[in-house]
Structure formats: structure tokens, C-alpha cells
Amino acid sequence: CHNYMPKNIEVVIRPHPAYRGMLLPACQELCKINKNWRICEDNHIYDALAGARIVVSMFSTAVNQALAMGIPAVTLARGVYSGTG
């Protein structure tokens, strides 16, 4: 995402709660490099998605919640979503 997303849009990173402690340092580094990026502090997924215009995920049930809320979603990993509309 760092290499391909437009530099002038806000990006909110939400590490998976189970891996937050492990991923937080890397996310903080990304936020230092990208001034429009920030780390999501919302614990509840629906609160985290409330202001989203699109969700980009590696592989997460957050995609299901986003789609249920009418938010377009993109997944980067093949799996349960592969080949779907």
C-alpha cells in the first residue's frame, strides 16, 4: 500500500487485535514515513469501519463487516473471497 496508494489520502491502519502488540512497532514506522497514515485506536470493528470509504485487507473477517456496512472491500490474499464479486 505504501508504494501504490496516492500520497495525499488518509490511511488508517488497524492491526488484527490478536497480533496488535507484535505489529504495532511496524505500523508506527509506516505512520512516520507516511504523514497521512494513522493507527486505529478503536477496539470494536464497527467503530473502526464507521468512517471508512474502502477497506483493504490481507485476509480478515473485517471484509465481511465492511461489505455488510456497504463499504467496498479489497482482499490481497487468495482464499474464501477468491472468485467472488
PDB file of N, CA and C in Angstrom:
ATOM      1  N   CYS A   1       0.829  -1.201   0.000  1.00  0.00           N
ATOM      2  CA  CYS A   1       0.000   0.000   0.000  1.00  0.00           C
ATOM      3  C   CYS A   1       0.865   1.254   0.000  1.00  0.00           C
ATOM      4  N   HIS A   2       1.967   1.202   0.757  1.00  0.00           N
ATOM      5  CA  HIS A   2       2.867   2.351   0.831  1.00  0.00           C
ATOM      6  C   HIS A   2       3.361   2.754  -0.562  1.00  0.00           C
ATOM      7  N   ASN A   3       3.648   1.786  -1.408  1.00  0.00           N
ATOM      8  CA  ASN A   3       4.193   2.070  -2.729  1.00  0.00           C
ATOM      9  C   ASN A   3       3.153   2.497  -3.750  1.00  0.00           C
ATOM     10  N   TYR A   4       1.903   2.098  -3.599  1.00  0.00           N
ATOM     11  CA  TYR A   4       0.938   2.276  -4.670  1.00  0.00           C
ATOM     12  C   TYR A   4      -0.230   3.207  -4.368  1.00  0.00           C
ATOM     13  N   MET A   5      -0.484   3.487  -3.117  1.00  0.00           N
ATOM     14  CA  MET A   5      -1.618   4.358  -2.799  1.00  0.00           C
ATOM     15  C   MET A   5      -1.243   5.817  -2.994  1.00  0.00           C
ATOM     16  N   PRO A   6      -2.217   6.642  -3.388  1.00  0.00           N
ATOM     17  CA  PRO A   6      -1.936   8.080  -3.504  1.00  0.00           C
ATOM     18  C   PRO A   6      -1.419   8.623  -2.173  1.00  0.00           C
ATOM     19  N   LYS A   7      -0.480   9.526  -2.242  1.00  0.00           N
ATOM     20  CA  LYS A   7       0.177  10.039  -1.027  1.00  0.00           C
ATOM     21  C   LYS A   7      -0.678  11.043  -0.253  1.00  0.00           C
ATOM     22  N   ASN A   8      -1.724  11.578  -0.871  1.00  0.00           N
ATOM     23  CA  ASN A   8      -2.484  12.649  -0.231  1.00  0.00           C
ATOM     24  C   ASN A   8      -3.785  12.184   0.415  1.00  0.00           C
ATOM     25  N   ILE A   9      -3.995  10.874   0.567  1.00  0.00           N
ATOM     26  CA  ILE A   9      -5.219  10.412   1.208  1.00  0.00           C
ATOM     27  C   ILE A   9      -4.914   9.870   2.603  1.00  0.00           C
ATOM     28  N   GLU A  10      -5.924   9.934   3.450  1.00  0.00           N
ATOM     29  CA  GLU A  10      -5.753   9.405   4.803  1.00  0.00           C
ATOM     30  C   GLU A  10      -5.875   7.888   4.775  1.00  0.00           C
ATOM     31  N   VAL A  11      -4.953   7.225   5.439  1.00  0.00           N
ATOM     32  CA  VAL A  11      -4.967   5.768   5.565  1.00  0.00           C
ATOM     33  C   VAL A  11      -4.980   5.439   7.051  1.00  0.00           C
ATOM     34  N   VAL A  12      -5.902   4.586   7.438  1.00  0.00           N
ATOM     35  CA  VAL A  12      -5.998   4.158   8.828  1.00  0.00           C
ATOM     36  C   VAL A  12      -5.606   2.687   8.884  1.00  0.00           C
ATOM     37  N   ILE A  13      -4.591   2.385   9.674  1.00  0.00           N
ATOM     38  CA  ILE A  13      -4.102   1.022   9.837  1.00  0.00           C
ATOM     39  C   ILE A  13      -4.722   0.435  11.095  1.00  0.00           C
ATOM     40  N   ARG A  14      -5.297  -0.741  10.962  1.00  0.00           N
ATOM     41  CA  ARG A  14      -5.863  -1.418  12.137  1.00  0.00           C
ATOM     42  C   ARG A  14      -5.295  -2.834  12.206  1.00  0.00           C
ATOM     43  N   PRO A  15      -4.236  -3.003  12.986  1.00  0.00           N
ATOM     44  CA  PRO A  15      -3.680  -4.351  13.131  1.00  0.00           C
ATOM     45  C   PRO A  15      -4.716  -5.287  13.758  1.00  0.00           C
ATOM     46  N   HIS A  16      -4.681  -6.536  13.363  1.00  0.00           N
ATOM     47  CA  HIS A  16      -5.591  -7.511  13.947  1.00  0.00           C
ATOM     48  C   HIS A  16      -5.373  -7.533  15.461  1.00  0.00           C
ATOM     49  N   PRO A  17      -6.452  -7.510  16.239  1.00  0.00           N
ATOM     50  CA  PRO A  17      -6.306  -7.468  17.701  1.00  0.00           C
ATOM     51  C   PRO A  17      -5.414  -8.569  18.279  1.00  0.00           C
ATOM     52  N   ALA A  18      -5.430  -9.747  17.680  1.00  0.00           N
ATOM     53  CA  ALA A  18      -4.614 -10.851  18.197  1.00  0.00           C
ATOM     54  C   ALA A  18      -3.122 -10.618  17.990  1.00  0.00           C
ATOM     55  N   TYR A  19      -2.779  -9.765  17.022  1.00  0.00           N
ATOM     56  CA  TYR A  19      -1.373  -9.525  16.687  1.00  0.00           C
ATOM     57  C   TYR A  19      -0.955  -8.065  16.889  1.00  0.00           C
ATOM     58  N   ARG A  20      -1.822  -7.280  17.504  1.00  0.00           N
ATOM     59  CA  ARG A  20      -1.564  -5.844  17.646  1.00  0.00           C
ATOM     60  C   ARG A  20      -0.211  -5.559  18.291  1.00  0.00           C
ATOM     61  N   GLY A  21       0.082  -6.218  19.395  1.00  0.00           N
ATOM     62  CA  GLY A  21       1.349  -5.975  20.090  1.00  0.00           C
ATOM     63  C   GLY A  21       2.556  -6.259  19.220  1.00  0.00           C
ATOM     64  N   MET A  22       2.477  -7.311  18.439  1.00  0.00           N
ATOM     65  CA  MET A  22       3.582  -7.696  17.573  1.00  0.00           C
ATOM     66  C   MET A  22       3.713  -6.750  16.378  1.00  0.00           C
ATOM     67  N   LEU A  23       2.582  -6.283  15.831  1.00  0.00           N
ATOM     68  CA  LEU A  23       2.596  -5.467  14.613  1.00  0.00           C
ATOM     69  C   LEU A  23       2.689  -3.970  14.862  1.00  0.00           C
ATOM     70  N   LEU A  24       2.388  -3.536  16.077  1.00  0.00           N
ATOM     71  CA  LEU A  24       2.346  -2.109  16.376  1.00  0.00           C
ATOM     72  C   LEU A  24       3.642  -1.369  16.030  1.00  0.00           C
ATOM     73  N   PRO A  25       4.823  -1.879  16.369  1.00  0.00           N
ATOM     74  CA  PRO A  25       6.049  -1.148  16.007  1.00  0.00           C
ATOM     75  C   PRO A  25       6.190  -0.921  14.497  1.00  0.00           C
ATOM     76  N   ALA A  26       5.875  -1.919  13.701  1.00  0.00           N
ATOM     77  CA  ALA A  26       5.958  -1.761  12.242  1.00  0.00           C
ATOM     78  C   ALA A  26       4.929  -0.744  11.748  1.00  0.00           C
ATOM     79  N   CYS A  27       3.738  -0.768  12.321  1.00  0.00           N
ATOM     80  CA  CYS A  27       2.703   0.202  11.943  1.00  0.00           C
ATOM     81  C   CYS A  27       3.123   1.622  12.309  1.00  0.00           C
ATOM     82  N   GLN A  28       3.733   1.780  13.456  1.00  0.00           N
ATOM     83  CA  GLN A  28       4.213   3.099  13.880  1.00  0.00           C
ATOM     84  C   GLN A  28       5.276   3.625  12.914  1.00  0.00           C
ATOM     85  N   GLU A  29       6.144   2.751  12.443  1.00  0.00           N
ATOM     86  CA  GLU A  29       7.165   3.159  11.471  1.00  0.00           C
ATOM     87  C   GLU A  29       6.516   3.610  10.169  1.00  0.00           C
ATOM     88  N   LEU A  30       5.499   2.889   9.711  1.00  0.00           N
ATOM     89  CA  LEU A  30       4.792   3.284   8.491  1.00  0.00           C
ATOM     90  C   LEU A  30       4.144   4.647   8.659  1.00  0.00           C
ATOM     91  N   CYS A  31       3.621   4.924   9.838  1.00  0.00           N
ATOM     92  CA  CYS A  31       2.978   6.216  10.087  1.00  0.00           C
ATOM     93  C   CYS A  31       3.997   7.357  10.130  1.00  0.00           C
ATOM     94  N   LYS A  32       5.222   7.068  10.512  1.00  0.00           N
ATOM     95  CA  LYS A  32       6.278   8.086  10.492  1.00  0.00           C
ATOM     96  C   LYS A  32       6.652   8.444   9.056  1.00  0.00           C
ATOM     97  N   ILE A  33       6.678   7.441   8.197  1.00  0.00           N
ATOM     98  CA  ILE A  33       7.049   7.644   6.794  1.00  0.00           C
ATOM     99  C   ILE A  33       5.923   8.316   6.018  1.00  0.00           C
ATOM    100  N   ASN A  34       4.693   7.942   6.322  1.00  0.00           N
ATOM    101  CA  ASN A  34       3.511   8.435   5.614  1.00  0.00           C
ATOM    102  C   ASN A  34       2.718   9.347   6.545  1.00  0.00           C
ATOM    103  N   LYS A  35       2.823  10.632   6.340  1.00  0.00           N
ATOM    104  CA  LYS A  35       2.227  11.594   7.273  1.00  0.00           C
ATOM    105  C   LYS A  35       0.703  11.547   7.319  1.00  0.00           C
ATOM    106  N   ASN A  36       0.052  11.016   6.301  1.00  0.00           N
ATOM    107  CA  ASN A  36      -1.411  10.923   6.289  1.00  0.00           C
ATOM    108  C   ASN A  36      -1.916   9.595   6.829  1.00  0.00           C
ATOM    109  N   TRP A  37      -1.033   8.779   7.335  1.00  0.00           N
ATOM    110  CA  TRP A  37      -1.411   7.486   7.884  1.00  0.00           C
ATOM    111  C   TRP A  37      -1.487   7.578   9.398  1.00  0.00           C
ATOM    112  N   ARG A  38      -2.426   6.828   9.983  1.00  0.00           N
ATOM    113  CA  ARG A  38      -2.524   6.765  11.442  1.00  0.00           C
ATOM    114  C   ARG A  38      -2.979   5.368  11.846  1.00  0.00           C
ATOM    115  N   ILE A  39      -2.776   5.077  13.103  1.00  0.00           N
ATOM    116  CA  ILE A  39      -3.163   3.772  13.649  1.00  0.00           C
ATOM    117  C   ILE A  39      -4.538   3.909  14.290  1.00  0.00           C
ATOM    118  N   CYS A  40      -5.414   2.984  13.981  1.00  0.00           N
ATOM    119  CA  CYS A  40      -6.763   2.976  14.536  1.00  0.00           C
ATOM    120  C   CYS A  40      -6.702   2.593  16.013  1.00  0.00           C
ATOM    121  N   GLU A  41      -7.383   3.348  16.823  1.00  0.00           N
ATOM    122  CA  GLU A  41      -7.423   3.067  18.255  1.00  0.00           C
ATOM    123  C   GLU A  41      -8.740   2.411  18.675  1.00  0.00           C
ATOM    124  N   ASP A  42      -9.696   2.290  17.741  1.00  0.00           N
ATOM    125  CA  ASP A  42     -10.991   1.683  18.064  1.00  0.00           C
ATOM    126  C   ASP A  42     -10.836   0.184  18.247  1.00  0.00           C
ATOM    127  N   ASN A  43     -11.372  -0.329  19.336  1.00  0.00           N
ATOM    128  CA  ASN A  43     -11.305  -1.768  19.590  1.00  0.00           C
ATOM    129  C   ASN A  43     -12.396  -2.530  18.855  1.00  0.00           C
ATOM    130  N   HIS A  44     -13.541  -1.932  18.703  1.00  0.00           N
ATOM    131  CA  HIS A  44     -14.677  -2.596  18.070  1.00  0.00           C
ATOM    132  C   HIS A  44     -14.618  -2.364  16.564  1.00  0.00           C
ATOM    133  N   ILE A  45     -14.737  -3.409  15.777  1.00  0.00           N
ATOM    134  CA  ILE A  45     -14.579  -3.312  14.327  1.00  0.00           C
ATOM    135  C   ILE A  45     -15.586  -2.358  13.703  1.00  0.00           C
ATOM    136  N   TYR A  46     -16.825  -2.333  14.191  1.00  0.00           N
ATOM    137  CA  TYR A  46     -17.818  -1.457  13.585  1.00  0.00           C
ATOM    138  C   TYR A  46     -17.487   0.012  13.833  1.00  0.00           C
ATOM    139  N   ASP A  47     -16.916   0.335  14.976  1.00  0.00           N
ATOM    140  CA  ASP A  47     -16.464   1.701  15.229  1.00  0.00           C
ATOM    141  C   ASP A  47     -15.298   2.045  14.314  1.00  0.00           C
ATOM    142  N   ALA A  48     -14.408   1.088  14.119  1.00  0.00           N
ATOM    143  CA  ALA A  48     -13.240   1.314  13.272  1.00  0.00           C
ATOM    144  C   ALA A  48     -13.645   1.549  11.819  1.00  0.00           C
ATOM    145  N   LEU A  49     -14.688   0.872  11.369  1.00  0.00           N
ATOM    146  CA  LEU A  49     -15.116   0.982   9.978  1.00  0.00           C
ATOM    147  C   LEU A  49     -16.048   2.168   9.714  1.00  0.00           C
ATOM    148  N   ALA A  50     -16.546   2.792  10.761  1.00  0.00           N
ATOM    149  CA  ALA A  50     -17.587   3.812  10.625  1.00  0.00           C
ATOM    150  C   ALA A  50     -17.267   4.898   9.599  1.00  0.00           C
ATOM    151  N   GLY A  51     -16.038   5.362   9.533  1.00  0.00           N
ATOM    152  CA  GLY A  51     -15.707   6.441   8.605  1.00  0.00           C
ATOM    153  C   GLY A  51     -14.983   5.981   7.351  1.00  0.00           C
ATOM    154  N   ALA A  52     -14.885   4.675   7.154  1.00  0.00           N
ATOM    155  CA  ALA A  52     -14.102   4.153   6.025  1.00  0.00           C
ATOM    156  C   ALA A  52     -14.836   4.338   4.698  1.00  0.00           C
ATOM    157  N   ARG A  53     -14.065   4.628   3.655  1.00  0.00           N
ATOM    158  CA  ARG A  53     -14.608   4.677   2.296  1.00  0.00           C
ATOM    159  C   ARG A  53     -14.291   3.400   1.537  1.00  0.00           C
ATOM    160  N   ILE A  54     -13.245   2.693   1.965  1.00  0.00           N
ATOM    161  CA  ILE A  54     -12.852   1.414   1.385  1.00  0.00           C
ATOM    162  C   ILE A  54     -12.016   0.667   2.419  1.00  0.00           C
ATOM    163  N   VAL A  55     -12.055  -0.654   2.370  1.00  0.00           N
ATOM    164  CA  VAL A  55     -11.250  -1.491   3.267  1.00  0.00           C
ATOM    165  C   VAL A  55     -10.312  -2.323   2.406  1.00  0.00           C
ATOM    166  N   VAL A  56      -9.035  -2.300   2.754  1.00  0.00           N
ATOM    167  CA  VAL A  56      -8.033  -3.142   2.109  1.00  0.00           C
ATOM    168  C   VAL A  56      -7.526  -4.086   3.182  1.00  0.00           C
ATOM    169  N   SER A  57      -7.602  -5.379   2.902  1.00  0.00           N
ATOM    170  CA  SER A  57      -7.246  -6.376   3.902  1.00  0.00           C
ATOM    171  C   SER A  57      -6.424  -7.476   3.269  1.00  0.00           C
ATOM    172  N   MET A  58      -5.564  -8.065   4.068  1.00  0.00           N
ATOM    173  CA  MET A  58      -4.839  -9.234   3.602  1.00  0.00           C
ATOM    174  C   MET A  58      -5.785 -10.430   3.589  1.00  0.00           C
ATOM    175  N   PHE A  59      -6.436 -10.672   4.703  1.00  0.00           N
ATOM    176  CA  PHE A  59      -7.414 -11.753   4.832  1.00  0.00           C
ATOM    177  C   PHE A  59      -8.045 -11.582   6.205  1.00  0.00           C
ATOM    178  N   SER A  60      -9.252 -11.084   6.240  1.00  0.00           N
ATOM    179  CA  SER A  60      -9.851 -10.783   7.531  1.00  0.00           C
ATOM    180  C   SER A  60     -11.366 -10.809   7.436  1.00  0.00           C
ATOM    181  N   THR A  61     -12.005 -11.139   8.551  1.00  0.00           N
ATOM    182  CA  THR A  61     -13.457 -11.052   8.593  1.00  0.00           C
ATOM    183  C   THR A  61     -13.925  -9.598   8.567  1.00  0.00           C
ATOM    184  N   ALA A  62     -12.994  -8.650   8.726  1.00  0.00           N
ATOM    185  CA  ALA A  62     -13.351  -7.231   8.603  1.00  0.00           C
ATOM    186  C   ALA A  62     -13.924  -6.944   7.217  1.00  0.00           C
ATOM    187  N   VAL A  63     -13.531  -7.748   6.229  1.00  0.00           N
ATOM    188  CA  VAL A  63     -14.082  -7.595   4.885  1.00  0.00           C
ATOM    189  C   VAL A  63     -15.586  -7.865   4.917  1.00  0.00           C
ATOM    190  N   ASN A  64     -16.000  -8.911   5.628  1.00  0.00           N
ATOM    191  CA  ASN A  64     -17.429  -9.210   5.742  1.00  0.00           C
ATOM    192  C   ASN A  64     -18.183  -8.067   6.390  1.00  0.00           C
ATOM    193  N   GLN A  65     -17.634  -7.550   7.481  1.00  0.00           N
ATOM    194  CA  GLN A  65     -18.300  -6.445   8.178  1.00  0.00           C
ATOM    195  C   GLN A  65     -18.367  -5.211   7.280  1.00  0.00           C
ATOM    196  N   ALA A  66     -17.295  -4.922   6.557  1.00  0.00           N
ATOM    197  CA  ALA A  66     -17.281  -3.768   5.664  1.00  0.00           C
ATOM    198  C   ALA A  66     -18.359  -3.914   4.591  1.00  0.00           C
ATOM    199  N   LEU A  67     -18.414  -5.065   3.958  1.00  0.00           N
ATOM    200  CA  LEU A  67     -19.409  -5.280   2.910  1.00  0.00           C
ATOM    201  C   LEU A  67     -20.828  -5.185   3.462  1.00  0.00           C
ATOM    202  N   ALA A  68     -21.043  -5.704   4.673  1.00  0.00           N
ATOM    203  CA  ALA A  68     -22.364  -5.614   5.294  1.00  0.00           C
ATOM    204  C   ALA A  68     -22.754  -4.167   5.571  1.00  0.00           C
ATOM    205  N   MET A  69     -21.748  -3.304   5.762  1.00  0.00           N
ATOM    206  CA  MET A  69     -21.998  -1.879   6.006  1.00  0.00           C
ATOM    207  C   MET A  69     -22.029  -1.070   4.708  1.00  0.00           C
ATOM    208  N   GLY A  70     -21.897  -1.758   3.562  1.00  0.00           N
ATOM    209  CA  GLY A  70     -21.926  -1.065   2.278  1.00  0.00           C
ATOM    210  C   GLY A  70     -20.609  -0.424   1.897  1.00  0.00           C
ATOM    211  N   ILE A  71     -19.520  -0.831   2.533  1.00  0.00           N
ATOM    212  CA  ILE A  71     -18.195  -0.266   2.265  1.00  0.00           C
ATOM    213  C   ILE A  71     -17.472  -1.203   1.296  1.00  0.00           C
ATOM    214  N   PRO A  72     -17.001  -0.693   0.158  1.00  0.00           N
ATOM    215  CA  PRO A  72     -16.247  -1.551  -0.759  1.00  0.00           C
ATOM    216  C   PRO A  72     -15.013  -2.127  -0.063  1.00  0.00           C
ATOM    217  N   ALA A  73     -14.630  -3.339  -0.463  1.00  0.00           N
ATOM    218  CA  ALA A  73     -13.504  -4.010   0.178  1.00  0.00           C
ATOM    219  C   ALA A  73     -12.639  -4.705  -0.864  1.00  0.00           C
ATOM    220  N   VAL A  74     -11.344  -4.750  -0.574  1.00  0.00           N
ATOM    221  CA  VAL A  74     -10.364  -5.413  -1.418  1.00  0.00           C
ATOM    222  C   VAL A  74      -9.572  -6.358  -0.536  1.00  0.00           C
ATOM    223  N   THR A  75      -9.356  -7.587  -1.001  1.00  0.00           N
ATOM    224  CA  THR A  75      -8.506  -8.506  -0.269  1.00  0.00           C
ATOM    225  C   THR A  75      -7.270  -8.811  -1.105  1.00  0.00           C
ATOM    226  N   LEU A  76      -6.141  -8.944  -0.438  1.00  0.00           N
ATOM    227  CA  LEU A  76      -4.880  -9.166  -1.120  1.00  0.00           C
ATOM    228  C   LEU A  76      -4.457 -10.624  -1.119  1.00  0.00           C
ATOM    229  N   ALA A  77      -5.143 -11.447  -0.361  1.00  0.00           N
ATOM    230  CA  ALA A  77      -4.782 -12.872  -0.278  1.00  0.00           C
ATOM    231  C   ALA A  77      -5.863 -13.717  -0.955  1.00  0.00           C
ATOM    232  N   ARG A  78      -5.467 -14.818  -1.510  1.00  0.00           N
ATOM    233  CA  ARG A  78      -6.439 -15.748  -2.074  1.00  0.00           C
ATOM    234  C   ARG A  78      -7.030 -16.546  -0.926  1.00  0.00           C
ATOM    235  N   GLY A  79      -8.269 -16.897  -1.051  1.00  0.00           N
ATOM    236  CA  GLY A  79      -8.915 -17.672  -0.004  1.00  0.00           C
ATOM    237  C   GLY A  79     -10.396 -17.720  -0.202  1.00  0.00           C
ATOM    238  N   VAL A  80     -11.125 -17.583   0.881  1.00  0.00           N
ATOM    239  CA  VAL A  80     -12.577 -17.710   0.848  1.00  0.00           C
ATOM    240  C   VAL A  80     -13.210 -16.684  -0.094  1.00  0.00           C
ATOM    241  N   TYR A  81     -12.567 -15.542  -0.321  1.00  0.00           N
ATOM    242  CA  TYR A  81     -13.143 -14.498  -1.158  1.00  0.00           C
ATOM    243  C   TYR A  81     -12.776 -14.652  -2.624  1.00  0.00           C
ATOM    244  N   SER A  82     -11.837 -15.498  -2.961  1.00  0.00           N
ATOM    245  CA  SER A  82     -11.350 -15.624  -4.327  1.00  0.00           C
ATOM    246  C   SER A  82     -12.474 -16.003  -5.285  1.00  0.00           C
ATOM    247  N   GLY A  83     -12.513 -15.286  -6.400  1.00  0.00           N
ATOM    248  CA  GLY A  83     -13.502 -15.572  -7.428  1.00  0.00           C
ATOM    249  C   GLY A  83     -14.888 -15.015  -7.141  1.00  0.00           C
ATOM    250  N   THR A  84     -15.021 -14.203  -6.108  1.00  0.00           N
ATOM    251  CA  THR A  84     -16.335 -13.630  -5.796  1.00  0.00           C
ATOM    252  C   THR A  84     -16.437 -12.218  -6.360  1.00  0.00           C
ATOM    253  N   GLY A  85     -17.643 -11.738  -6.460  1.00  0.00           N
ATOM    254  CA  GLY A  85     -17.871 -10.380  -6.942  1.00  0.00           C
ATOM    255  C   GLY A  85     -17.634  -9.386  -5.867  1.00  0.00           C
TER     256      GLY A  85
END
